[in-house]
C-alpha atoms as a PDB file:
ATOM      1  CA  MET A   1     -52.389 276.074   3.438  1.00  0.00           C
ATOM      2  CA  LYS A   2     -53.295 275.562   7.101  1.00  0.00           C
ATOM      3  CA  LYS A   3     -55.526 278.640   7.071  1.00  0.00           C
ATOM      4  CA  ARG A   4     -57.779 277.074   4.442  1.00  0.00           C
ATOM      5  CA  LYS A   5     -58.361 273.858   6.385  1.00  0.00           C
ATOM      6  CA  TYR A   6     -60.081 275.535   9.341  1.00  0.00           C
ATOM      7  CA  PRO A   7     -62.757 277.488   7.437  1.00  0.00           C
ATOM      8  CA  VAL A   8     -63.628 274.395   5.395  1.00  0.00           C
ATOM      9  CA  VAL A   9     -64.047 272.291   8.533  1.00  0.00           C
ATOM     10  CA  LEU A  10     -66.164 275.000  10.161  1.00  0.00           C
ATOM     11  CA  ILE A  11     -68.372 275.310   7.096  1.00  0.00           C
ATOM     12  CA  ALA A  12     -68.793 271.537   6.953  1.00  0.00           C
ATOM     13  CA  ALA A  13     -69.821 271.453  10.610  1.00  0.00           C
ATOM     14  CA  VAL A  14     -72.353 274.251  10.118  1.00  0.00           C
ATOM     15  CA  PHE A  15     -73.723 272.589   6.978  1.00  0.00           C
ATOM     16  CA  SER A  16     -74.026 269.245   8.774  1.00  0.00           C
ATOM     17  CA  GLY A  17     -75.938 270.898  11.609  1.00  0.00           C
ATOM     18  CA  ALA A  18     -78.336 272.511   9.131  1.00  0.00           C
ATOM     19  CA  ILE A  19     -79.097 269.153   7.535  1.00  0.00           C
ATOM     20  CA  HIS A  20     -79.779 267.595  10.911  1.00  0.00           C
ATOM     21  CA  PHE A  21     -82.155 270.431  11.844  1.00  0.00           C
ATOM     22  CA  ASP A  22     -84.092 270.140   8.564  1.00  0.00           C
ATOM     23  CA  ALA A  23     -84.431 266.384   8.978  1.00  0.00           C
ATOM     24  CA  LEU A  24     -86.021 266.875  12.388  1.00  0.00           C
ATOM     25  CA  GLU A  25     -88.408 269.475  11.027  1.00  0.00           C
ATOM     26  CA  ALA A  26     -89.466 267.199   8.158  1.00  0.00           C
ATOM     27  CA  ALA A  27     -90.611 264.514  10.602  1.00  0.00           C
ATOM     28  CA  VAL A  28     -93.806 266.488  11.269  1.00  0.00           C
ATOM     29  CA  SER A  29     -96.251 266.092   8.386  1.00  0.00           C
ATOM     30  CA  PRO A  30     -98.146 269.199   7.247  1.00  0.00           C
ATOM     31  CA  TRP A  31    -101.075 267.039   6.123  1.00  0.00           C
ATOM     32  CA  THR A  32    -104.275 266.609   8.073  1.00  0.00           C
ATOM     33  CA  SER A  33    -107.141 264.215   7.499  1.00  0.00           C
ATOM     34  CA  SER A  34    -109.108 266.887   5.622  1.00  0.00           C
ATOM     35  CA  ASN A  35    -106.413 267.582   2.981  1.00  0.00           C
ATOM     36  CA  ARG A  36    -106.969 266.099  -0.475  1.00  0.00           C
ATOM     37  CA  ILE A  37    -104.154 265.089  -2.804  1.00  0.00           C
ATOM     38  CA  ALA A  38    -104.381 264.798  -6.601  1.00  0.00           C
ATOM     39  CA  ILE A  39    -101.406 263.707  -8.701  1.00  0.00           C
ATOM     40  CA  SER A  40    -100.899 263.750 -12.440  1.00  0.00           C
ATOM     41  CA  ALA A  41     -97.772 261.796 -13.358  1.00  0.00           C
ATOM     42  CA  ASP A  42     -96.462 262.390 -16.830  1.00  0.00           C
ATOM     43  CA  GLY A  43     -94.551 259.367 -17.997  1.00  0.00           C
ATOM     44  CA  CYS A  44     -95.663 257.635 -21.126  1.00  0.00           C
ATOM     45  CA  PRO A  45     -96.182 254.001 -22.012  1.00  0.00           C
ATOM     46  CA  ASP A  46     -92.481 253.770 -22.976  1.00  0.00           C
ATOM     47  CA  ALA A  47     -91.475 255.560 -19.775  1.00  0.00           C
ATOM     48  CA  ASP A  48     -87.909 255.891 -18.565  1.00  0.00           C
ATOM     49  CA  ALA A  49     -86.748 254.483 -15.243  1.00  0.00           C
ATOM     50  CA  ASP A  50     -87.148 257.873 -13.536  1.00  0.00           C
ATOM     51  CA  ASP A  51     -90.884 257.845 -14.315  1.00  0.00           C
ATOM     52  CA  THR A  52     -91.485 254.201 -13.481  1.00  0.00           C
ATOM     53  CA  GLY A  53     -89.447 254.491 -10.285  1.00  0.00           C
ATOM     54  CA  ALA A  54     -90.857 257.806  -9.071  1.00  0.00           C
ATOM     55  CA  THR A  55     -94.444 256.615  -9.387  1.00  0.00           C
ATOM     56  CA  PRO A  56     -94.399 253.791  -6.803  1.00  0.00           C
ATOM     57  CA  PHE A  57     -91.925 255.772  -4.681  1.00  0.00           C
ATOM     58  CA  THR A  58     -94.405 258.666  -4.447  1.00  0.00           C
ATOM     59  CA  LEU A  59     -97.163 256.255  -3.481  1.00  0.00           C
ATOM     60  CA  ALA A  60     -94.907 254.624  -0.873  1.00  0.00           C
ATOM     61  CA  VAL A  61     -94.165 258.008   0.720  1.00  0.00           C
ATOM     62  CA  LEU A  62     -97.879 258.824   0.894  1.00  0.00           C
ATOM     63  CA  ALA A  63     -98.667 255.378   2.310  1.00  0.00           C
ATOM     64  CA  LYS A  64     -95.926 255.644   4.929  1.00  0.00           C
ATOM     65  CA  ALA A  65     -97.588 258.868   6.091  1.00  0.00           C
ATOM     66  CA  GLY A  66    -100.962 257.063   6.183  1.00  0.00           C
ATOM     67  CA  LEU A  67    -102.444 259.253   3.433  1.00  0.00           C
ATOM     68  CA  GLN A  68    -104.050 256.578   1.249  1.00  0.00           C
ATOM     69  CA  ASN A  69    -107.534 258.001   1.806  1.00  0.00           C
ATOM     70  CA  ASN A  70    -106.321 261.535   1.109  1.00  0.00           C
ATOM     71  CA  LEU A  71    -105.284 260.614  -2.446  1.00  0.00           C
ATOM     72  CA  VAL A  72    -108.456 261.488  -4.364  1.00  0.00           C
ATOM     73  CA  HIS A  73    -107.029 261.252  -7.899  1.00  0.00           C
ATOM     74  CA  TYR A  74    -103.977 259.775  -9.607  1.00  0.00           C
ATOM     75  CA  ASP A  75    -103.511 259.828 -13.347  1.00  0.00           C
ATOM     76  CA  PHE A  76    -100.478 258.783 -15.335  1.00  0.00           C
ATOM     77  CA  ASN A  77     -99.372 258.669 -18.982  1.00  0.00           C
ATOM     78  CA  ASN A  78    -100.777 262.151 -19.432  1.00  0.00           C
ATOM     79  CA  PHE A  79     -99.062 262.613 -22.799  1.00  0.00           C
ATOM     80  CA  LEU A  80    -102.453 262.302 -24.476  1.00  0.00           C
ATOM     81  CA  GLU A  81    -101.130 262.394 -28.034  1.00  0.00           C
ATOM     82  CA  TYR A  82     -98.914 259.391 -27.326  1.00  0.00           C
ATOM     83  CA  LYS A  83     -99.649 255.910 -28.572  1.00  0.00           C
ATOM     84  CA  LYS A  84    -101.758 253.565 -26.479  1.00  0.00           C
ATOM     85  CA  ILE A  85    -100.110 250.413 -25.167  1.00  0.00           C
ATOM     86  CA  ASP A  86    -101.866 247.426 -23.647  1.00  0.00           C
ATOM     87  CA  PRO A  87    -101.627 247.608 -19.818  1.00  0.00           C
ATOM     88  CA  GLY A  88     -99.693 244.326 -19.656  1.00  0.00           C
ATOM     89  CA  ASN A  89     -96.856 245.892 -21.682  1.00  0.00           C
ATOM     90  CA  ASN A  90     -97.214 249.442 -20.387  1.00  0.00           C
ATOM     91  CA  ARG A  91     -94.422 250.200 -17.901  1.00  0.00           C
ATOM     92  CA  MET A  92     -96.197 253.202 -16.381  1.00  0.00           C
ATOM     93  CA  TRP A  93     -99.399 251.197 -15.926  1.00  0.00           C
ATOM     94  CA  LEU A  94     -97.461 248.420 -14.226  1.00  0.00           C
ATOM     95  CA  SER A  95     -95.658 250.965 -12.042  1.00  0.00           C
ATOM     96  CA  ALA A  96     -98.732 252.983 -11.028  1.00  0.00           C
ATOM     97  CA  MET A  97    -101.125 250.092 -10.538  1.00  0.00           C
ATOM     98  CA  GLY A  98     -98.443 248.005  -8.845  1.00  0.00           C
ATOM     99  CA  GLY A  99     -97.857 250.841  -6.359  1.00  0.00           C
ATOM    100  CA  GLN A 100    -101.609 251.290  -5.938  1.00  0.00           C
ATOM    101  CA  SER A 101    -102.044 247.626  -5.086  1.00  0.00           C
ATOM    102  CA  ARG A 102     -98.948 247.271  -2.915  1.00  0.00           C
ATOM    103  CA  TRP A 103     -99.631 250.371  -0.808  1.00  0.00           C
ATOM    104  CA  GLY A 104    -103.418 249.984  -0.443  1.00  0.00           C
ATOM    105  CA  PHE A 105    -104.813 252.867  -2.508  1.00  0.00           C
ATOM    106  CA  ASP A 106    -108.327 252.859  -3.979  1.00  0.00           C
ATOM    107  CA  SER A 107    -107.963 251.655  -7.593  1.00  0.00           C
ATOM    108  CA  SER A 108    -111.057 253.609  -8.697  1.00  0.00           C
ATOM    109  CA  ARG A 109    -109.010 256.800  -8.273  1.00  0.00           C
ATOM    110  CA  PHE A 110    -106.290 255.726 -10.742  1.00  0.00           C
ATOM    111  CA  PHE A 111    -106.465 256.527 -14.449  1.00  0.00           C
ATOM    112  CA  ASP A 112    -104.210 255.763 -17.389  1.00  0.00           C
ATOM    113  CA  ALA A 113    -104.815 259.038 -19.226  1.00  0.00           C
ATOM    114  CA  ALA A 114    -103.526 257.592 -22.511  1.00  0.00           C
ATOM    115  CA  ILE A 115    -106.169 254.842 -22.373  1.00  0.00           C
ATOM    116  CA  ASP A 116    -109.032 256.833 -20.776  1.00  0.00           C
ATOM    117  CA  PRO A 117    -108.368 260.578 -21.117  1.00  0.00           C
ATOM    118  CA  ASN A 118    -112.038 261.517 -20.733  1.00  0.00           C
ATOM    119  CA  GLY A 119    -112.369 259.476 -17.553  1.00  0.00           C
ATOM    120  CA  ALA A 120    -109.211 261.005 -16.074  1.00  0.00           C
ATOM    121  CA  VAL A 121    -110.326 264.565 -16.839  1.00  0.00           C
ATOM    122  CA  ALA A 122    -113.894 263.988 -15.617  1.00  0.00           C
ATOM    123  CA  HIS A 123    -112.707 262.397 -12.379  1.00  0.00           C
ATOM    124  CA  LEU A 124    -110.200 265.158 -11.609  1.00  0.00           C
ATOM    125  CA  THR A 125    -112.792 267.816 -12.470  1.00  0.00           C
ATOM    126  CA  ALA A 126    -115.297 266.219 -10.092  1.00  0.00           C
ATOM    127  CA  GLU A 127    -112.690 266.136  -7.310  1.00  0.00           C
ATOM    128  CA  ARG A 128    -111.972 269.846  -7.722  1.00  0.00           C
ATOM    129  CA  LEU A 129    -115.562 270.755  -6.860  1.00  0.00           C
END
């Protein structure tokens, strides 16, 4: 039994060191001021907590890195065959637009694809050019 304890401890120490190294490497952002970011978040008006939580979290991460101006397009509810829900009752709308407002992103770059699919597609197409 004693022989098994040492390799496990050694592996744990090596693994812990690898995590520490990766965390230091991640502190340097690969983004520059010329990079553009476009996001299409699936979700749906009846979105689960993973969708409604990931949306503002993603925006918070971008904002923390100071990349608000780099986000050129953000659409959500891209299940276009799904039913339309009024924004006041639409959890993804509340999540996306709440994150947009809280973290200082340009609201003209945000599209509820279930409400305005043509606008979302046209805007993203224009940003690709």
